[in-house]
Amino acid sequence: MIVAIDHIVLLTNNLEKCLAFYRDILECEVREQNGRYAICFGNQKINIHQHFGEFQPAASKPCDGALDFCLLAKGDIHAIKRKIESKGVKLEAGVVQRTGARAKLDSIYLKDPDGNLVEIAVEREEDAQTMR
């Protein structure tokens, strides 16, 4: 029945800082349409809401800083780590091994301006093929 995640919704208390983080630090595309914002990457997106219940239907208790999610990246995780740190971002955790939905991962952790925990992970090549 369920095959993928199309989007998630993130509540922010500072739209400009939120968009700058995902655009400038994580190099995602920011899209705006009729005053609604989304952060896009690959064929997924994160919709950005600025107020509790801004669009209906909505979650029962949305709040900023409550998310903990993983974004997949391509490339060398150590190079990604250095690039993010060069932009002045403090990591919550350096390169650690995790297990994702499709493969084992090498991950780093950082927080966005609202306090959401963002894991950036690269699939370990040798494991990605065997777990699919």
N, C-alpha and C. Protein backbone atom coordinates (compact mmCIF):
# COMPACT_ATOMS: atom_id res chain seq x y z
N MET A 1 0.82 -1.19 0.00
CA MET A 1 0.00 0.00 0.00
C MET A 1 0.87 1.26 0.00
N ILE A 2 1.60 1.55 1.08
CA ILE A 2 2.45 2.75 1.16
C ILE A 2 3.77 2.44 0.46
N VAL A 3 4.25 3.38 -0.38
CA VAL A 3 5.48 3.13 -1.13
C VAL A 3 6.58 4.18 -0.90
N ALA A 4 6.23 5.36 -0.42
CA ALA A 4 7.25 6.40 -0.26
C ALA A 4 6.69 7.56 0.54
N ILE A 5 7.57 8.45 0.96
CA ILE A 5 7.16 9.71 1.59
C ILE A 5 7.25 10.78 0.51
N ASP A 6 6.17 11.50 0.31
CA ASP A 6 6.14 12.60 -0.66
C ASP A 6 6.66 13.89 -0.03
N HIS A 7 6.15 14.21 1.16
CA HIS A 7 6.59 15.42 1.86
C HIS A 7 6.28 15.31 3.35
N ILE A 8 6.95 16.15 4.12
CA ILE A 8 6.62 16.33 5.52
C ILE A 8 6.39 17.82 5.72
N VAL A 9 5.85 18.18 6.87
CA VAL A 9 5.59 19.59 7.18
C VAL A 9 6.42 19.98 8.39
N LEU A 10 7.09 21.10 8.28
CA LEU A 10 7.93 21.64 9.33
C LEU A 10 7.34 22.98 9.75
N LEU A 11 7.18 23.19 11.03
CA LEU A 11 6.69 24.46 11.56
C LEU A 11 7.90 25.29 11.98
N THR A 12 7.97 26.53 11.53
CA THR A 12 9.09 27.40 11.88
C THR A 12 8.60 28.64 12.61
N ASN A 13 9.45 29.16 13.48
CA ASN A 13 9.12 30.44 14.13
C ASN A 13 9.90 31.59 13.51
N ASN A 14 10.75 31.29 12.49
CA ASN A 14 11.49 32.33 11.79
C ASN A 14 11.71 31.88 10.35
N LEU A 15 10.82 32.29 9.47
CA LEU A 15 10.84 31.84 8.08
C LEU A 15 12.16 32.14 7.40
N GLU A 16 12.69 33.35 7.57
CA GLU A 16 13.91 33.73 6.87
C GLU A 16 15.09 32.86 7.28
N LYS A 17 15.25 32.63 8.58
CA LYS A 17 16.36 31.77 9.06
C LYS A 17 16.18 30.33 8.60
N CYS A 18 14.95 29.87 8.63
CA CYS A 18 14.65 28.50 8.21
C CYS A 18 15.01 28.30 6.73
N LEU A 19 14.52 29.18 5.89
CA LEU A 19 14.79 29.06 4.46
C LEU A 19 16.28 29.20 4.16
N ALA A 20 16.95 30.12 4.83
CA ALA A 20 18.38 30.31 4.62
C ALA A 20 19.17 29.05 5.00
N PHE A 21 18.79 28.40 6.08
CA PHE A 21 19.48 27.19 6.50
C PHE A 21 19.37 26.11 5.43
N TYR A 22 18.17 25.81 4.99
CA TYR A 22 18.00 24.73 4.02
C TYR A 22 18.53 25.10 2.64
N ARG A 23 18.45 26.37 2.28
CA ARG A 23 18.97 26.82 0.98
C ARG A 23 20.49 26.97 1.00
N ASP A 24 21.02 27.69 1.97
CA ASP A 24 22.44 28.04 1.97
C ASP A 24 23.34 26.98 2.60
N ILE A 25 22.88 26.31 3.62
CA ILE A 25 23.71 25.31 4.30
C ILE A 25 23.55 23.94 3.64
N LEU A 26 22.29 23.51 3.44
CA LEU A 26 22.06 22.17 2.88
C LEU A 26 21.87 22.18 1.37
N GLU A 27 21.86 23.36 0.77
CA GLU A 27 21.80 23.53 -0.69
C GLU A 27 20.55 22.92 -1.32
N CYS A 28 19.42 23.05 -0.62
CA CYS A 28 18.13 22.63 -1.16
C CYS A 28 17.53 23.79 -1.95
N GLU A 29 16.58 23.48 -2.78
CA GLU A 29 15.87 24.51 -3.54
C GLU A 29 14.69 24.99 -2.72
N VAL A 30 14.52 26.30 -2.65
CA VAL A 30 13.36 26.88 -1.97
C VAL A 30 12.35 27.31 -3.03
N ARG A 31 11.12 26.87 -2.86
CA ARG A 31 10.04 27.27 -3.77
C ARG A 31 8.96 27.99 -2.99
N GLU A 32 8.39 29.02 -3.64
CA GLU A 32 7.28 29.77 -3.05
C GLU A 32 6.15 29.83 -4.06
N GLN A 33 4.97 29.56 -3.60
CA GLN A 33 3.79 29.66 -4.46
C GLN A 33 2.63 30.16 -3.61
N ASN A 34 2.13 31.34 -3.96
CA ASN A 34 1.00 31.94 -3.26
C ASN A 34 1.24 32.06 -1.75
N GLY A 35 2.46 32.45 -1.38
CA GLY A 35 2.78 32.64 0.04
C GLY A 35 3.07 31.36 0.80
N ARG A 36 3.10 30.24 0.13
CA ARG A 36 3.42 28.96 0.75
C ARG A 36 4.83 28.57 0.33
N TYR A 37 5.62 28.08 1.28
CA TYR A 37 7.02 27.76 1.02
C TYR A 37 7.28 26.27 1.15
N ALA A 38 8.21 25.80 0.33
CA ALA A 38 8.65 24.41 0.39
C ALA A 38 10.15 24.35 0.12
N ILE A 39 10.79 23.41 0.76
CA ILE A 39 12.20 23.11 0.54
C ILE A 39 12.22 21.83 -0.27
N CYS A 40 12.85 21.87 -1.44
CA CYS A 40 12.78 20.74 -2.37
C CYS A 40 14.16 20.14 -2.62
N PHE A 41 14.17 18.83 -2.76
CA PHE A 41 15.39 18.08 -3.06
C PHE A 41 14.95 16.76 -3.66
N GLY A 42 15.65 16.32 -4.71
CA GLY A 42 15.22 15.09 -5.38
C GLY A 42 13.76 15.19 -5.78
N ASN A 43 12.98 14.16 -5.47
CA ASN A 43 11.54 14.23 -5.76
C ASN A 43 10.72 14.28 -4.47
N GLN A 44 11.33 14.88 -3.42
CA GLN A 44 10.64 15.09 -2.16
C GLN A 44 10.66 16.57 -1.80
N LYS A 45 9.87 16.89 -0.76
CA LYS A 45 9.90 18.27 -0.28
C LYS A 45 9.49 18.32 1.18
N ILE A 46 9.87 19.43 1.80
CA ILE A 46 9.44 19.76 3.15
C ILE A 46 8.62 21.04 3.03
N ASN A 47 7.35 20.96 3.36
CA ASN A 47 6.51 22.16 3.36
C ASN A 47 6.79 22.93 4.65
N ILE A 48 6.84 24.25 4.54
CA ILE A 48 7.13 25.10 5.68
C ILE A 48 5.87 25.85 6.09
N HIS A 49 5.48 25.67 7.34
CA HIS A 49 4.35 26.42 7.90
C HIS A 49 4.89 27.38 8.96
N GLN A 50 4.26 28.54 9.06
CA GLN A 50 4.72 29.56 9.99
C GLN A 50 3.85 29.69 11.24
N HIS A 51 2.67 29.09 11.22
CA HIS A 51 1.74 29.23 12.35
C HIS A 51 1.05 27.90 12.62
N PHE A 52 0.73 27.65 13.86
CA PHE A 52 -0.03 26.48 14.26
C PHE A 52 -1.33 26.43 13.48
N GLY A 53 -1.59 25.31 12.82
CA GLY A 53 -2.85 25.14 12.09
C GLY A 53 -3.01 26.08 10.91
N GLU A 54 -1.92 26.55 10.35
CA GLU A 54 -1.95 27.51 9.24
C GLU A 54 -2.76 26.99 8.06
N PHE A 55 -2.61 25.71 7.77
CA PHE A 55 -3.37 25.08 6.70
C PHE A 55 -4.07 23.86 7.28
N GLN A 56 -5.30 23.66 6.90
CA GLN A 56 -6.11 22.55 7.44
C GLN A 56 -6.32 21.49 6.38
N PRO A 57 -6.39 20.23 6.77
CA PRO A 57 -6.25 19.75 8.14
C PRO A 57 -4.80 19.86 8.60
N ALA A 58 -4.60 19.81 9.91
CA ALA A 58 -3.26 19.95 10.49
C ALA A 58 -3.09 18.94 11.62
N ALA A 59 -1.84 18.71 12.00
CA ALA A 59 -1.54 17.85 13.13
C ALA A 59 -2.17 18.42 14.40
N SER A 60 -2.41 17.58 15.38
CA SER A 60 -3.07 18.01 16.62
C SER A 60 -2.21 18.94 17.45
N LYS A 61 -0.91 18.70 17.50
CA LYS A 61 -0.04 19.50 18.37
C LYS A 61 1.26 19.88 17.66
N PRO A 62 1.19 20.55 16.52
CA PRO A 62 2.44 20.91 15.84
C PRO A 62 3.21 21.95 16.64
N CYS A 63 4.53 21.83 16.62
CA CYS A 63 5.37 22.84 17.26
C CYS A 63 6.72 22.86 16.56
N ASP A 64 7.38 24.00 16.65
CA ASP A 64 8.70 24.10 16.03
C ASP A 64 9.71 23.33 16.87
N GLY A 65 10.69 22.75 16.20
CA GLY A 65 11.77 22.05 16.87
C GLY A 65 11.46 20.63 17.30
N ALA A 66 10.34 20.06 16.86
CA ALA A 66 9.95 18.72 17.30
C ALA A 66 10.35 17.60 16.35
N LEU A 67 10.86 17.94 15.17
CA LEU A 67 11.17 16.92 14.18
C LEU A 67 12.57 16.35 14.35
N ASP A 68 12.71 15.12 13.93
CA ASP A 68 13.98 14.40 13.90
C ASP A 68 13.91 13.56 12.63
N PHE A 69 14.64 13.96 11.58
CA PHE A 69 14.52 13.27 10.31
C PHE A 69 15.87 13.14 9.63
N CYS A 70 15.93 12.23 8.66
CA CYS A 70 17.16 11.91 7.95
C CYS A 70 17.01 12.26 6.48
N LEU A 71 17.99 12.98 5.96
CA LEU A 71 18.05 13.31 4.54
C LEU A 71 19.23 12.56 3.93
N LEU A 72 18.98 11.88 2.82
CA LEU A 72 20.05 11.16 2.13
C LEU A 72 20.82 12.10 1.22
N ALA A 73 22.12 11.91 1.19
CA ALA A 73 22.99 12.71 0.31
C ALA A 73 23.85 11.75 -0.49
N LYS A 74 24.46 12.26 -1.53
CA LYS A 74 25.42 11.49 -2.32
C LYS A 74 26.79 12.11 -2.10
N GLY A 75 27.81 11.28 -2.16
CA GLY A 75 29.17 11.78 -2.01
C GLY A 75 29.82 11.21 -0.78
N ASP A 76 30.93 11.79 -0.42
CA ASP A 76 31.72 11.35 0.73
C ASP A 76 31.23 12.09 1.97
N ILE A 77 30.80 11.36 3.00
CA ILE A 77 30.24 11.98 4.20
C ILE A 77 31.25 12.89 4.88
N HIS A 78 32.54 12.56 4.80
CA HIS A 78 33.57 13.39 5.42
C HIS A 78 33.69 14.74 4.69
N ALA A 79 33.57 14.71 3.37
CA ALA A 79 33.60 15.96 2.59
C ALA A 79 32.35 16.79 2.88
N ILE A 80 31.21 16.14 3.01
CA ILE A 80 29.96 16.84 3.35
C ILE A 80 30.10 17.49 4.72
N LYS A 81 30.65 16.75 5.66
CA LYS A 81 30.87 17.27 7.02
C LYS A 81 31.75 18.52 6.98
N ARG A 82 32.86 18.44 6.27
CA ARG A 82 33.77 19.59 6.18
C ARG A 82 33.09 20.79 5.53
N LYS A 83 32.30 20.55 4.49
CA LYS A 83 31.61 21.63 3.80
C LYS A 83 30.62 22.33 4.71
N ILE A 84 29.85 21.56 5.46
CA ILE A 84 28.87 22.15 6.38
C ILE A 84 29.57 22.91 7.50
N GLU A 85 30.62 22.33 8.06
CA GLU A 85 31.36 23.01 9.12
C GLU A 85 32.02 24.29 8.60
N SER A 86 32.44 24.30 7.33
CA SER A 86 33.07 25.50 6.76
C SER A 86 32.07 26.66 6.66
N LYS A 87 30.79 26.34 6.72
CA LYS A 87 29.74 27.37 6.69
C LYS A 87 29.37 27.85 8.09
N GLY A 88 30.16 27.42 9.08
CA GLY A 88 29.96 27.89 10.45
C GLY A 88 28.92 27.14 11.25
N VAL A 89 28.51 25.98 10.78
CA VAL A 89 27.50 25.20 11.47
C VAL A 89 28.17 24.21 12.42
N LYS A 90 27.70 24.20 13.67
CA LYS A 90 28.20 23.25 14.66
C LYS A 90 27.40 21.96 14.55
N LEU A 91 28.10 20.85 14.44
CA LEU A 91 27.44 19.55 14.36
C LEU A 91 27.09 19.05 15.75
N GLU A 92 25.98 18.33 15.83
CA GLU A 92 25.58 17.67 17.07
C GLU A 92 26.34 16.37 17.24
N ALA A 93 26.68 15.72 16.15
CA ALA A 93 27.46 14.49 16.16
C ALA A 93 28.19 14.38 14.83
N GLY A 94 29.44 13.92 14.90
CA GLY A 94 30.23 13.73 13.69
C GLY A 94 29.80 12.47 12.97
N VAL A 95 30.69 11.92 12.19
CA VAL A 95 30.35 10.75 11.37
C VAL A 95 30.12 9.54 12.27
N VAL A 96 28.91 9.00 12.19
CA VAL A 96 28.54 7.80 12.94
C VAL A 96 27.84 6.83 12.00
N GLN A 97 27.87 5.56 12.34
CA GLN A 97 27.19 4.56 11.52
C GLN A 97 25.79 4.32 12.04
N ARG A 98 24.84 4.26 11.12
CA ARG A 98 23.45 4.02 11.45
C ARG A 98 22.89 3.00 10.46
N THR A 99 21.68 2.54 10.71
CA THR A 99 20.99 1.66 9.78
C THR A 99 19.75 2.39 9.29
N GLY A 100 19.67 2.60 7.98
CA GLY A 100 18.53 3.28 7.39
C GLY A 100 17.49 2.29 6.89
N ALA A 101 16.54 2.79 6.15
CA ALA A 101 15.47 1.96 5.61
C ALA A 101 15.96 1.02 4.51
N ARG A 102 16.99 1.47 3.75
CA ARG A 102 17.45 0.68 2.61
C ARG A 102 18.88 0.19 2.72
N ALA A 103 19.65 0.78 3.62
CA ALA A 103 21.07 0.43 3.68
C ALA A 103 21.66 0.92 4.99
N LYS A 104 22.87 0.49 5.27
CA LYS A 104 23.62 1.05 6.39
C LYS A 104 24.08 2.43 5.96
N LEU A 105 24.18 3.34 6.92
CA LEU A 105 24.45 4.74 6.63
C LEU A 105 25.67 5.23 7.40
N ASP A 106 26.34 6.20 6.81
CA ASP A 106 27.31 7.04 7.52
C ASP A 106 26.62 8.38 7.65
N SER A 107 26.47 8.86 8.89
CA SER A 107 25.62 10.03 9.15
C SER A 107 26.33 11.09 9.97
N ILE A 108 25.86 12.33 9.77
CA ILE A 108 26.21 13.45 10.64
C ILE A 108 24.88 14.06 11.10
N TYR A 109 24.93 14.77 12.22
CA TYR A 109 23.73 15.37 12.79
C TYR A 109 23.96 16.86 13.05
N LEU A 110 22.95 17.65 12.74
CA LEU A 110 22.97 19.07 13.04
C LEU A 110 21.55 19.52 13.32
N LYS A 111 21.42 20.71 13.88
CA LYS A 111 20.09 21.24 14.16
C LYS A 111 19.84 22.44 13.26
N ASP A 112 18.58 22.54 12.80
CA ASP A 112 18.19 23.70 12.02
C ASP A 112 17.88 24.85 12.98
N PRO A 113 17.58 26.05 12.48
CA PRO A 113 17.35 27.19 13.37
C PRO A 113 16.19 27.01 14.35
N ASP A 114 15.26 26.12 14.05
CA ASP A 114 14.13 25.88 14.96
C ASP A 114 14.44 24.79 15.97
N GLY A 115 15.59 24.12 15.86
CA GLY A 115 15.95 23.06 16.79
C GLY A 115 15.60 21.67 16.32
N ASN A 116 15.09 21.53 15.09
CA ASN A 116 14.83 20.19 14.55
C ASN A 116 16.17 19.48 14.34
N LEU A 117 16.21 18.19 14.66
CA LEU A 117 17.43 17.41 14.46
C LEU A 117 17.43 16.89 13.03
N VAL A 118 18.45 17.27 12.27
CA VAL A 118 18.57 16.87 10.88
C VAL A 118 19.77 15.94 10.75
N GLU A 119 19.48 14.73 10.33
CA GLU A 119 20.53 13.75 10.05
C GLU A 119 20.80 13.80 8.55
N ILE A 120 22.04 13.93 8.19
CA ILE A 120 22.43 13.85 6.78
C ILE A 120 23.24 12.57 6.65
N ALA A 121 22.81 11.71 5.74
CA ALA A 121 23.41 10.38 5.65
C ALA A 121 23.75 10.02 4.21
N VAL A 122 24.80 9.23 4.11
CA VAL A 122 25.22 8.66 2.83
C VAL A 122 25.13 7.14 2.99
N GLU A 123 24.46 6.49 2.03
CA GLU A 123 24.37 5.04 2.08
C GLU A 123 25.75 4.44 1.86
N ARG A 124 26.07 3.43 2.66
CA ARG A 124 27.34 2.72 2.48
C ARG A 124 27.21 1.84 1.26
N GLU A 125 28.05 2.07 0.28
CA GLU A 125 27.94 1.40 -1.02
C GLU A 125 27.86 -0.12 -0.92
N GLU A 126 28.73 -0.72 -0.12
CA GLU A 126 28.76 -2.17 -0.05
C GLU A 126 27.47 -2.73 0.54
N ASP A 127 26.78 -1.95 1.38
CA ASP A 127 25.56 -2.42 2.01
C ASP A 127 24.31 -2.04 1.23
N ALA A 128 24.36 -0.97 0.46
CA ALA A 128 23.17 -0.49 -0.26
C ALA A 128 22.64 -1.53 -1.23
N GLN A 129 23.54 -2.23 -1.90
CA GLN A 129 23.11 -3.22 -2.88
C GLN A 129 22.48 -4.44 -2.24
N THR A 130 23.03 -4.88 -1.11
CA THR A 130 22.54 -6.11 -0.49
C THR A 130 21.25 -5.94 0.27
N MET A 131 20.93 -4.73 0.72
CA MET A 131 19.73 -4.52 1.53
C MET A 131 18.49 -4.20 0.69
N ARG A 132 18.65 -3.98 -0.58
CA ARG A 132 17.50 -3.59 -1.42
C ARG A 132 16.67 -4.77 -1.82
